[in-house]
Amino acid sequence: MADSVYKVIELIGTSSESWEKAAASAVSRAGETLRDLRVAEVVQLDLQLDAQGKVEAYRAKLKVSFKFEGS
């Protein structure tokens, strides 16, 4: 098996419904422009609140790795 190198980037996905959908949104969008996605690790979850303290959005910060294709 040949050695491989992977690049890791951070993404933040948002959803008005759930953290799960926020994470899935980030991975889905990344998959549109990046190839060979390997692992997505949720590293932080938080909420965006309105002036009355009600939840406006769920946010999920992820570290996503993909195979690095260098020259």
N, C-alpha and C. Protein backbone atom coordinates (compact mmCIF):
# COMPACT_ATOMS: atom_id res chain seq x y z
N MET A 1 0.83 -1.17 0.00
CA MET A 1 0.00 0.00 0.00
C MET A 1 0.88 1.24 0.00
N ALA A 2 0.59 2.19 -0.87
CA ALA A 2 1.36 3.43 -0.95
C ALA A 2 1.03 4.34 0.22
N ASP A 3 2.03 5.12 0.62
CA ASP A 3 1.80 6.10 1.69
C ASP A 3 0.87 7.18 1.19
N SER A 4 0.08 7.74 2.09
CA SER A 4 -0.86 8.79 1.74
C SER A 4 -0.69 9.97 2.67
N VAL A 5 -1.11 11.12 2.19
CA VAL A 5 -1.10 12.34 2.99
C VAL A 5 -2.51 12.92 2.95
N TYR A 6 -2.97 13.42 4.09
CA TYR A 6 -4.31 13.99 4.19
C TYR A 6 -4.22 15.41 4.70
N LYS A 7 -5.06 16.25 4.17
CA LYS A 7 -5.16 17.64 4.63
C LYS A 7 -6.40 17.74 5.51
N VAL A 8 -6.31 18.56 6.57
CA VAL A 8 -7.42 18.77 7.48
C VAL A 8 -7.81 20.25 7.45
N ILE A 9 -9.10 20.50 7.27
CA ILE A 9 -9.62 21.86 7.29
C ILE A 9 -10.74 21.96 8.32
N GLU A 10 -11.03 23.18 8.76
CA GLU A 10 -12.14 23.40 9.67
C GLU A 10 -13.31 24.00 8.91
N LEU A 11 -14.48 23.52 9.20
CA LEU A 11 -15.71 24.03 8.60
C LEU A 11 -16.72 24.30 9.69
N ILE A 12 -17.63 25.23 9.44
CA ILE A 12 -18.75 25.46 10.35
C ILE A 12 -20.03 25.37 9.54
N GLY A 13 -20.88 24.44 9.91
CA GLY A 13 -22.18 24.29 9.27
C GLY A 13 -23.26 24.86 10.17
N THR A 14 -24.32 25.37 9.56
CA THR A 14 -25.43 25.92 10.34
C THR A 14 -26.75 25.30 9.89
N SER A 15 -27.70 25.28 10.81
CA SER A 15 -29.04 24.78 10.52
C SER A 15 -30.02 25.44 11.48
N SER A 16 -31.21 25.67 11.01
CA SER A 16 -32.24 26.21 11.90
C SER A 16 -32.95 25.08 12.65
N GLU A 17 -32.59 23.81 12.35
CA GLU A 17 -33.30 22.66 12.94
C GLU A 17 -32.51 21.87 13.98
N SER A 18 -31.21 21.56 13.70
CA SER A 18 -30.47 20.70 14.63
C SER A 18 -28.97 20.76 14.37
N TRP A 19 -28.20 20.30 15.38
CA TRP A 19 -26.76 20.20 15.20
C TRP A 19 -26.42 19.14 14.16
N GLU A 20 -27.17 18.06 14.14
CA GLU A 20 -26.91 17.00 13.17
C GLU A 20 -27.05 17.54 11.74
N LYS A 21 -28.08 18.32 11.49
CA LYS A 21 -28.26 18.89 10.15
C LYS A 21 -27.20 19.94 9.85
N ALA A 22 -26.74 20.65 10.87
CA ALA A 22 -25.67 21.62 10.67
C ALA A 22 -24.39 20.92 10.23
N ALA A 23 -24.05 19.83 10.89
CA ALA A 23 -22.85 19.06 10.54
C ALA A 23 -23.00 18.45 9.14
N ALA A 24 -24.15 17.88 8.86
CA ALA A 24 -24.39 17.27 7.55
C ALA A 24 -24.32 18.31 6.44
N SER A 25 -24.78 19.51 6.71
CA SER A 25 -24.73 20.58 5.73
C SER A 25 -23.29 20.94 5.38
N ALA A 26 -22.44 21.03 6.39
CA ALA A 26 -21.03 21.36 6.15
C ALA A 26 -20.35 20.27 5.32
N VAL A 27 -20.59 19.01 5.65
CA VAL A 27 -19.97 17.90 4.92
C VAL A 27 -20.50 17.84 3.49
N SER A 28 -21.79 18.04 3.33
CA SER A 28 -22.39 18.00 2.00
C SER A 28 -21.80 19.08 1.11
N ARG A 29 -21.70 20.28 1.65
CA ARG A 29 -21.15 21.40 0.86
C ARG A 29 -19.69 21.17 0.53
N ALA A 30 -18.91 20.67 1.47
CA ALA A 30 -17.49 20.39 1.22
C ALA A 30 -17.34 19.33 0.13
N GLY A 31 -18.24 18.36 0.12
CA GLY A 31 -18.19 17.30 -0.88
C GLY A 31 -18.44 17.78 -2.29
N GLU A 32 -18.99 18.97 -2.45
CA GLU A 32 -19.22 19.52 -3.79
C GLU A 32 -17.92 20.01 -4.45
N THR A 33 -16.92 20.35 -3.64
CA THR A 33 -15.68 20.90 -4.21
C THR A 33 -14.43 20.12 -3.83
N LEU A 34 -14.52 19.24 -2.84
CA LEU A 34 -13.36 18.46 -2.42
C LEU A 34 -13.58 16.99 -2.75
N ARG A 35 -12.50 16.33 -3.15
CA ARG A 35 -12.60 14.90 -3.45
C ARG A 35 -11.98 14.08 -2.32
N ASP A 36 -12.38 12.85 -2.25
CA ASP A 36 -11.83 11.89 -1.29
C ASP A 36 -11.93 12.34 0.15
N LEU A 37 -13.11 12.86 0.55
CA LEU A 37 -13.33 13.17 1.96
C LEU A 37 -13.19 11.88 2.75
N ARG A 38 -12.51 11.94 3.91
CA ARG A 38 -12.24 10.73 4.67
C ARG A 38 -12.94 10.71 6.03
N VAL A 39 -12.72 11.75 6.82
CA VAL A 39 -13.24 11.77 8.19
C VAL A 39 -13.73 13.17 8.50
N ALA A 40 -14.85 13.25 9.20
CA ALA A 40 -15.35 14.53 9.72
C ALA A 40 -15.51 14.37 11.23
N GLU A 41 -14.85 15.21 11.98
CA GLU A 41 -14.90 15.16 13.43
C GLU A 41 -15.56 16.42 13.96
N VAL A 42 -16.64 16.27 14.70
CA VAL A 42 -17.30 17.42 15.31
C VAL A 42 -16.45 17.83 16.52
N VAL A 43 -15.98 19.09 16.50
CA VAL A 43 -15.12 19.56 17.59
C VAL A 43 -15.81 20.57 18.50
N GLN A 44 -16.91 21.16 18.03
CA GLN A 44 -17.61 22.13 18.87
C GLN A 44 -19.04 22.30 18.38
N LEU A 45 -19.95 22.44 19.32
CA LEU A 45 -21.35 22.73 19.02
C LEU A 45 -21.72 24.01 19.75
N ASP A 46 -22.44 24.90 19.07
CA ASP A 46 -22.94 26.09 19.75
C ASP A 46 -24.24 26.55 19.11
N LEU A 47 -24.83 27.57 19.71
CA LEU A 47 -26.12 28.08 19.26
C LEU A 47 -26.00 29.57 18.97
N GLN A 48 -26.71 30.01 17.96
CA GLN A 48 -26.86 31.43 17.69
C GLN A 48 -28.22 31.83 18.25
N LEU A 49 -28.24 32.86 19.09
CA LEU A 49 -29.46 33.27 19.77
C LEU A 49 -29.94 34.63 19.28
N ASP A 50 -31.25 34.85 19.36
CA ASP A 50 -31.79 36.17 19.03
C ASP A 50 -31.78 37.05 20.29
N ALA A 51 -32.29 38.26 20.19
CA ALA A 51 -32.27 39.21 21.30
C ALA A 51 -33.05 38.72 22.52
N GLN A 52 -34.03 37.85 22.32
CA GLN A 52 -34.83 37.30 23.43
C GLN A 52 -34.25 35.99 23.97
N GLY A 53 -33.13 35.57 23.45
CA GLY A 53 -32.50 34.34 23.92
C GLY A 53 -33.05 33.08 23.29
N LYS A 54 -33.82 33.21 22.22
CA LYS A 54 -34.35 32.03 21.51
C LYS A 54 -33.35 31.58 20.46
N VAL A 55 -33.33 30.28 20.22
CA VAL A 55 -32.39 29.70 19.26
C VAL A 55 -32.75 30.14 17.84
N GLU A 56 -31.78 30.74 17.16
CA GLU A 56 -31.96 31.09 15.75
C GLU A 56 -31.30 30.05 14.86
N ALA A 57 -30.14 29.53 15.32
CA ALA A 57 -29.42 28.56 14.49
C ALA A 57 -28.55 27.66 15.35
N TYR A 58 -28.43 26.42 14.92
CA TYR A 58 -27.50 25.45 15.50
C TYR A 58 -26.24 25.51 14.65
N ARG A 59 -25.07 25.52 15.31
CA ARG A 59 -23.82 25.57 14.57
C ARG A 59 -22.93 24.41 15.00
N ALA A 60 -22.31 23.76 14.03
CA ALA A 60 -21.39 22.66 14.30
C ALA A 60 -20.06 22.96 13.63
N LYS A 61 -18.99 22.98 14.43
CA LYS A 61 -17.64 23.16 13.88
C LYS A 61 -17.04 21.77 13.69
N LEU A 62 -16.51 21.52 12.49
CA LEU A 62 -15.95 20.21 12.17
C LEU A 62 -14.52 20.34 11.66
N LYS A 63 -13.74 19.30 11.90
CA LYS A 63 -12.46 19.12 11.23
C LYS A 63 -12.70 18.03 10.20
N VAL A 64 -12.44 18.34 8.95
CA VAL A 64 -12.69 17.42 7.84
C VAL A 64 -11.37 17.10 7.16
N SER A 65 -11.12 15.83 6.93
CA SER A 65 -9.89 15.45 6.23
C SER A 65 -10.22 14.90 4.85
N PHE A 66 -9.28 15.16 3.94
CA PHE A 66 -9.39 14.63 2.58
C PHE A 66 -8.01 14.32 2.07
N LYS A 67 -7.94 13.41 1.12
CA LYS A 67 -6.66 12.98 0.58
C LYS A 67 -6.00 14.11 -0.17
N PHE A 68 -4.75 14.39 0.15
CA PHE A 68 -3.99 15.47 -0.46
C PHE A 68 -3.36 14.95 -1.76
N GLU A 69 -3.62 15.68 -2.83
CA GLU A 69 -3.06 15.30 -4.13
C GLU A 69 -2.05 16.36 -4.55
N GLY A 70 -0.81 16.14 -4.22
CA GLY A 70 0.25 17.08 -4.58
C GLY A 70 0.87 16.70 -5.91
N SER A 71 1.75 17.55 -6.39
CA SER A 71 2.40 17.26 -7.67
C SER A 71 3.57 16.33 -7.51
